[in-house]
Amino acid sequence: LAAPLGESMRRASETTLTTLKIANIPRRCGKEELLEAIKAAGFADAYDFFYLPLGPQSKKNHGYAFINFGDNATTERFARAFSGYPLRAKVLDVTPAPLQGLARNLENFAT
């Protein structure tokens, strides 16, 4: 992997890596705006899980989201595309998520 993704991405790519954490999301950025950027970059049908937690009263996001893909190659392409991606006045940071895989994320984030 490219150096800008950092050591954690390189280590994670040696195993199955399908879930990423997108951090540094502007708090007023809505789900639709972020998903539109993902769609515009060519990943509209590539992911099977997306979670952007919102504050219960403020309805603002917490500054991070999780996204899962079906394979390592797509995950790595997304990480390259969105690491350093400018969104409003911030720059996104993409790293491997603590939980990997669709099943583990669905189990953890089920409401």
N, C-alpha and C. Protein backbone atom coordinates (compact mmCIF):
# COMPACT_ATOMS: atom_id res chain seq x y z
N LEU A 1 0.83 -1.19 0.00
CA LEU A 1 0.00 0.00 0.00
C LEU A 1 0.87 1.25 0.00
N ALA A 2 0.29 2.32 -0.41
CA ALA A 2 1.00 3.60 -0.46
C ALA A 2 1.32 4.10 0.94
N ALA A 3 2.42 4.79 1.08
CA ALA A 3 2.86 5.28 2.38
C ALA A 3 1.84 6.18 3.09
N PRO A 4 1.08 7.04 2.37
CA PRO A 4 0.15 7.92 3.09
C PRO A 4 -0.90 7.19 3.93
N LEU A 5 -1.15 5.93 3.64
CA LEU A 5 -2.14 5.20 4.41
C LEU A 5 -1.61 4.76 5.77
N GLY A 6 -0.32 4.83 5.95
CA GLY A 6 0.25 4.54 7.25
C GLY A 6 0.50 3.07 7.51
N GLU A 7 1.23 2.82 8.55
CA GLU A 7 1.62 1.46 8.93
C GLU A 7 0.42 0.59 9.27
N SER A 8 -0.61 1.15 9.90
CA SER A 8 -1.77 0.32 10.27
C SER A 8 -2.47 -0.24 9.05
N MET A 9 -2.55 0.52 7.97
CA MET A 9 -3.18 0.01 6.74
C MET A 9 -2.31 -1.08 6.13
N ARG A 10 -1.00 -0.90 6.13
CA ARG A 10 -0.10 -1.91 5.55
C ARG A 10 -0.21 -3.22 6.33
N ARG A 11 -0.20 -3.14 7.66
CA ARG A 11 -0.30 -4.35 8.48
C ARG A 11 -1.66 -5.03 8.26
N ALA A 12 -2.72 -4.24 8.24
CA ALA A 12 -4.06 -4.80 8.10
C ALA A 12 -4.24 -5.44 6.73
N SER A 13 -3.58 -4.94 5.70
CA SER A 13 -3.77 -5.49 4.37
C SER A 13 -3.18 -6.90 4.24
N GLU A 14 -2.35 -7.29 5.20
CA GLU A 14 -1.78 -8.63 5.18
C GLU A 14 -2.80 -9.67 5.63
N THR A 15 -3.89 -9.23 6.21
CA THR A 15 -4.97 -10.11 6.61
C THR A 15 -6.23 -9.66 5.88
N THR A 16 -7.37 -10.24 6.21
CA THR A 16 -8.61 -9.83 5.57
C THR A 16 -9.03 -8.48 6.13
N LEU A 17 -9.11 -7.51 5.26
CA LEU A 17 -9.48 -6.15 5.63
C LEU A 17 -10.66 -5.73 4.77
N THR A 18 -11.82 -5.58 5.40
CA THR A 18 -13.00 -5.15 4.65
C THR A 18 -13.70 -3.96 5.27
N THR A 19 -13.41 -3.63 6.53
CA THR A 19 -14.11 -2.54 7.20
C THR A 19 -13.15 -1.41 7.55
N LEU A 20 -13.56 -0.20 7.21
CA LEU A 20 -12.75 0.98 7.47
C LEU A 20 -13.49 1.95 8.37
N LYS A 21 -12.71 2.72 9.12
CA LYS A 21 -13.25 3.83 9.89
C LYS A 21 -12.87 5.10 9.15
N ILE A 22 -13.87 5.92 8.87
CA ILE A 22 -13.65 7.22 8.24
C ILE A 22 -13.74 8.24 9.36
N ALA A 23 -12.67 8.94 9.62
CA ALA A 23 -12.65 9.91 10.73
C ALA A 23 -12.46 11.33 10.20
N ASN A 24 -12.65 12.27 11.11
CA ASN A 24 -12.52 13.69 10.83
C ASN A 24 -13.63 14.20 9.91
N ILE A 25 -14.80 13.59 10.01
CA ILE A 25 -15.96 14.03 9.24
C ILE A 25 -16.51 15.29 9.90
N PRO A 26 -16.78 16.33 9.12
CA PRO A 26 -17.38 17.53 9.72
C PRO A 26 -18.69 17.19 10.44
N ARG A 27 -18.87 17.71 11.63
CA ARG A 27 -20.03 17.35 12.46
C ARG A 27 -21.36 17.66 11.80
N ARG A 28 -21.42 18.67 10.98
CA ARG A 28 -22.67 19.05 10.32
C ARG A 28 -22.88 18.33 8.99
N CYS A 29 -21.96 17.48 8.64
CA CYS A 29 -22.08 16.70 7.41
C CYS A 29 -23.11 15.59 7.63
N GLY A 30 -24.09 15.52 6.78
CA GLY A 30 -25.12 14.49 6.90
C GLY A 30 -24.74 13.22 6.14
N LYS A 31 -25.46 12.17 6.42
CA LYS A 31 -25.24 10.88 5.78
C LYS A 31 -25.33 11.01 4.26
N GLU A 32 -26.32 11.76 3.78
CA GLU A 32 -26.52 11.91 2.35
C GLU A 32 -25.32 12.55 1.67
N GLU A 33 -24.75 13.58 2.30
CA GLU A 33 -23.60 14.27 1.73
C GLU A 33 -22.39 13.34 1.63
N LEU A 34 -22.14 12.58 2.67
CA LEU A 34 -21.01 11.66 2.66
C LEU A 34 -21.22 10.54 1.65
N LEU A 35 -22.43 9.98 1.61
CA LEU A 35 -22.71 8.91 0.65
C LEU A 35 -22.67 9.42 -0.79
N GLU A 36 -23.02 10.67 -1.01
CA GLU A 36 -22.91 11.25 -2.35
C GLU A 36 -21.45 11.33 -2.78
N ALA A 37 -20.56 11.71 -1.87
CA ALA A 37 -19.13 11.75 -2.18
C ALA A 37 -18.61 10.35 -2.50
N ILE A 38 -19.08 9.35 -1.74
CA ILE A 38 -18.68 7.96 -1.97
C ILE A 38 -19.18 7.49 -3.33
N LYS A 39 -20.41 7.84 -3.65
CA LYS A 39 -21.00 7.48 -4.95
C LYS A 39 -20.23 8.15 -6.09
N ALA A 40 -19.94 9.43 -5.95
CA ALA A 40 -19.24 10.19 -6.98
C ALA A 40 -17.84 9.62 -7.25
N ALA A 41 -17.24 9.00 -6.24
CA ALA A 41 -15.91 8.42 -6.40
C ALA A 41 -15.96 7.01 -6.99
N GLY A 42 -17.17 6.52 -7.29
CA GLY A 42 -17.30 5.22 -7.94
C GLY A 42 -17.52 4.04 -7.01
N PHE A 43 -17.92 4.30 -5.77
CA PHE A 43 -18.11 3.22 -4.80
C PHE A 43 -19.57 3.01 -4.43
N ALA A 44 -20.50 3.48 -5.26
CA ALA A 44 -21.93 3.43 -4.93
C ALA A 44 -22.42 2.01 -4.62
N ASP A 45 -22.02 1.05 -5.38
CA ASP A 45 -22.49 -0.33 -5.19
C ASP A 45 -21.43 -1.24 -4.59
N ALA A 46 -20.37 -0.66 -4.07
CA ALA A 46 -19.23 -1.46 -3.60
C ALA A 46 -19.32 -1.85 -2.14
N TYR A 47 -20.11 -1.14 -1.34
CA TYR A 47 -20.15 -1.41 0.09
C TYR A 47 -21.46 -2.09 0.48
N ASP A 48 -21.41 -2.85 1.58
CA ASP A 48 -22.61 -3.55 2.05
C ASP A 48 -23.01 -3.11 3.46
N PHE A 49 -22.24 -2.18 4.03
CA PHE A 49 -22.55 -1.67 5.37
C PHE A 49 -21.99 -0.26 5.49
N PHE A 50 -22.80 0.63 6.04
CA PHE A 50 -22.37 2.00 6.31
C PHE A 50 -23.06 2.46 7.58
N TYR A 51 -22.29 3.02 8.51
CA TYR A 51 -22.86 3.49 9.77
C TYR A 51 -22.21 4.82 10.14
N LEU A 52 -23.03 5.86 10.24
CA LEU A 52 -22.61 7.18 10.67
C LEU A 52 -23.41 7.51 11.93
N PRO A 53 -22.82 7.31 13.11
CA PRO A 53 -23.58 7.56 14.35
C PRO A 53 -23.92 9.04 14.51
N LEU A 54 -25.14 9.28 14.98
CA LEU A 54 -25.62 10.64 15.22
C LEU A 54 -25.97 10.82 16.69
N GLY A 55 -25.78 12.04 17.19
CA GLY A 55 -26.19 12.36 18.55
C GLY A 55 -27.70 12.31 18.64
N PRO A 56 -28.27 11.74 19.71
CA PRO A 56 -29.71 11.56 19.81
C PRO A 56 -30.50 12.87 19.79
N GLN A 57 -29.94 13.92 20.35
CA GLN A 57 -30.66 15.19 20.38
C GLN A 57 -30.16 16.17 19.32
N SER A 58 -28.87 16.24 19.15
CA SER A 58 -28.30 17.21 18.20
C SER A 58 -28.49 16.78 16.75
N LYS A 59 -28.59 15.47 16.54
CA LYS A 59 -28.68 14.89 15.19
C LYS A 59 -27.44 15.20 14.35
N LYS A 60 -26.35 15.60 15.01
CA LYS A 60 -25.07 15.80 14.33
C LYS A 60 -24.26 14.52 14.47
N ASN A 61 -23.42 14.25 13.50
CA ASN A 61 -22.60 13.04 13.57
C ASN A 61 -21.49 13.22 14.61
N HIS A 62 -20.85 12.14 14.96
CA HIS A 62 -19.79 12.13 15.97
C HIS A 62 -18.40 12.32 15.36
N GLY A 63 -18.35 12.57 14.05
CA GLY A 63 -17.07 12.81 13.40
C GLY A 63 -16.43 11.58 12.80
N TYR A 64 -17.14 10.45 12.83
CA TYR A 64 -16.59 9.23 12.24
C TYR A 64 -17.72 8.37 11.70
N ALA A 65 -17.36 7.44 10.81
CA ALA A 65 -18.30 6.48 10.24
C ALA A 65 -17.55 5.18 9.98
N PHE A 66 -18.31 4.12 9.77
CA PHE A 66 -17.74 2.82 9.41
C PHE A 66 -18.34 2.38 8.09
N ILE A 67 -17.50 1.78 7.25
CA ILE A 67 -17.96 1.29 5.95
C ILE A 67 -17.30 -0.06 5.69
N ASN A 68 -18.07 -1.00 5.16
CA ASN A 68 -17.56 -2.34 4.90
C ASN A 68 -17.70 -2.68 3.41
N PHE A 69 -16.69 -3.33 2.88
CA PHE A 69 -16.66 -3.77 1.49
C PHE A 69 -16.54 -5.28 1.44
N GLY A 70 -16.76 -5.86 0.28
CA GLY A 70 -16.75 -7.31 0.14
C GLY A 70 -15.38 -7.94 0.01
N ASP A 71 -14.35 -7.13 -0.28
CA ASP A 71 -13.03 -7.71 -0.49
C ASP A 71 -11.93 -6.70 -0.17
N ASN A 72 -10.72 -7.24 0.02
CA ASN A 72 -9.56 -6.40 0.37
C ASN A 72 -9.25 -5.37 -0.71
N ALA A 73 -9.31 -5.77 -1.97
CA ALA A 73 -8.92 -4.87 -3.06
C ALA A 73 -9.80 -3.62 -3.09
N THR A 74 -11.10 -3.78 -2.96
CA THR A 74 -12.00 -2.63 -2.96
C THR A 74 -11.76 -1.77 -1.72
N THR A 75 -11.53 -2.42 -0.59
CA THR A 75 -11.26 -1.70 0.65
C THR A 75 -10.02 -0.83 0.50
N GLU A 76 -8.98 -1.39 -0.08
CA GLU A 76 -7.74 -0.64 -0.27
C GLU A 76 -7.93 0.50 -1.27
N ARG A 77 -8.68 0.28 -2.34
CA ARG A 77 -8.96 1.34 -3.31
C ARG A 77 -9.70 2.50 -2.63
N PHE A 78 -10.69 2.16 -1.80
CA PHE A 78 -11.45 3.19 -1.09
C PHE A 78 -10.53 3.97 -0.14
N ALA A 79 -9.69 3.25 0.60
CA ALA A 79 -8.77 3.90 1.54
C ALA A 79 -7.86 4.88 0.81
N ARG A 80 -7.35 4.47 -0.35
CA ARG A 80 -6.50 5.37 -1.13
C ARG A 80 -7.28 6.59 -1.61
N ALA A 81 -8.51 6.38 -2.04
CA ALA A 81 -9.33 7.47 -2.58
C ALA A 81 -9.75 8.48 -1.51
N PHE A 82 -10.01 7.99 -0.29
CA PHE A 82 -10.58 8.87 0.74
C PHE A 82 -9.62 9.28 1.85
N SER A 83 -8.44 8.71 1.92
CA SER A 83 -7.44 9.21 2.87
C SER A 83 -6.96 10.56 2.37
N GLY A 84 -7.20 11.59 3.15
CA GLY A 84 -6.83 12.93 2.73
C GLY A 84 -7.88 13.62 1.88
N TYR A 85 -9.04 13.00 1.74
CA TYR A 85 -10.13 13.58 0.93
C TYR A 85 -10.68 14.82 1.63
N PRO A 86 -10.75 15.96 0.92
CA PRO A 86 -11.28 17.18 1.54
C PRO A 86 -12.82 17.16 1.56
N LEU A 87 -13.39 17.37 2.71
CA LEU A 87 -14.84 17.45 2.85
C LEU A 87 -15.15 18.67 3.69
N ARG A 88 -15.75 19.64 3.04
CA ARG A 88 -15.96 20.95 3.66
C ARG A 88 -14.60 21.49 4.07
N ALA A 89 -14.43 21.90 5.30
CA ALA A 89 -13.16 22.49 5.74
C ALA A 89 -12.24 21.47 6.41
N LYS A 90 -12.56 20.18 6.30
CA LYS A 90 -11.75 19.15 6.96
C LYS A 90 -11.18 18.19 5.93
N VAL A 91 -10.23 17.38 6.38
CA VAL A 91 -9.61 16.36 5.54
C VAL A 91 -9.87 15.02 6.21
N LEU A 92 -10.46 14.08 5.47
CA LEU A 92 -10.83 12.78 6.04
C LEU A 92 -9.60 11.93 6.32
N ASP A 93 -9.73 11.10 7.34
CA ASP A 93 -8.70 10.15 7.73
C ASP A 93 -9.33 8.76 7.69
N VAL A 94 -8.71 7.84 6.97
CA VAL A 94 -9.26 6.49 6.82
C VAL A 94 -8.28 5.47 7.38
N THR A 95 -8.78 4.64 8.30
CA THR A 95 -7.96 3.60 8.94
C THR A 95 -8.78 2.31 9.05
N PRO A 96 -8.11 1.17 9.28
CA PRO A 96 -8.86 -0.06 9.52
C PRO A 96 -9.75 0.09 10.76
N ALA A 97 -10.95 -0.43 10.67
CA ALA A 97 -11.88 -0.38 11.80
C ALA A 97 -11.53 -1.46 12.81
N PRO A 98 -11.89 -1.25 14.08
CA PRO A 98 -11.61 -2.27 15.10
C PRO A 98 -12.33 -3.58 14.82
N LEU A 99 -13.55 -3.51 14.30
CA LEU A 99 -14.30 -4.71 13.95
C LEU A 99 -14.23 -4.90 12.44
N GLN A 100 -13.96 -6.11 12.01
CA GLN A 100 -13.86 -6.41 10.59
C GLN A 100 -14.97 -7.34 10.14
N GLY A 101 -15.53 -7.05 8.97
CA GLY A 101 -16.52 -7.93 8.36
C GLY A 101 -17.96 -7.49 8.58
N LEU A 102 -18.79 -7.83 7.62
CA LEU A 102 -20.20 -7.45 7.66
C LEU A 102 -20.91 -8.02 8.89
N ALA A 103 -20.75 -9.32 9.14
CA ALA A 103 -21.47 -9.96 10.25
C ALA A 103 -21.13 -9.32 11.59
N ARG A 104 -19.84 -9.07 11.84
CA ARG A 104 -19.45 -8.48 13.13
C ARG A 104 -19.99 -7.06 13.28
N ASN A 105 -20.02 -6.30 12.20
CA ASN A 105 -20.55 -4.94 12.26
C ASN A 105 -22.06 -4.94 12.45
N LEU A 106 -22.77 -5.80 11.75
CA LEU A 106 -24.21 -5.89 11.93
C LEU A 106 -24.56 -6.29 13.36
N GLU A 107 -23.82 -7.23 13.89
CA GLU A 107 -24.05 -7.69 15.26
C GLU A 107 -23.78 -6.56 16.27
N ASN A 108 -22.71 -5.82 16.05
CA ASN A 108 -22.32 -4.78 16.99
C ASN A 108 -23.22 -3.54 16.91
N PHE A 109 -23.64 -3.17 15.71
CA PHE A 109 -24.39 -1.93 15.54
C PHE A 109 -25.89 -2.13 15.35
N ALA A 110 -26.38 -3.33 15.57
CA ALA A 110 -27.82 -3.58 15.44
C ALA A 110 -28.56 -2.76 16.49
N THR A 111 -29.66 -2.15 16.05
CA THR A 111 -30.45 -1.34 17.00
C THR A 111 -31.77 -2.00 17.32
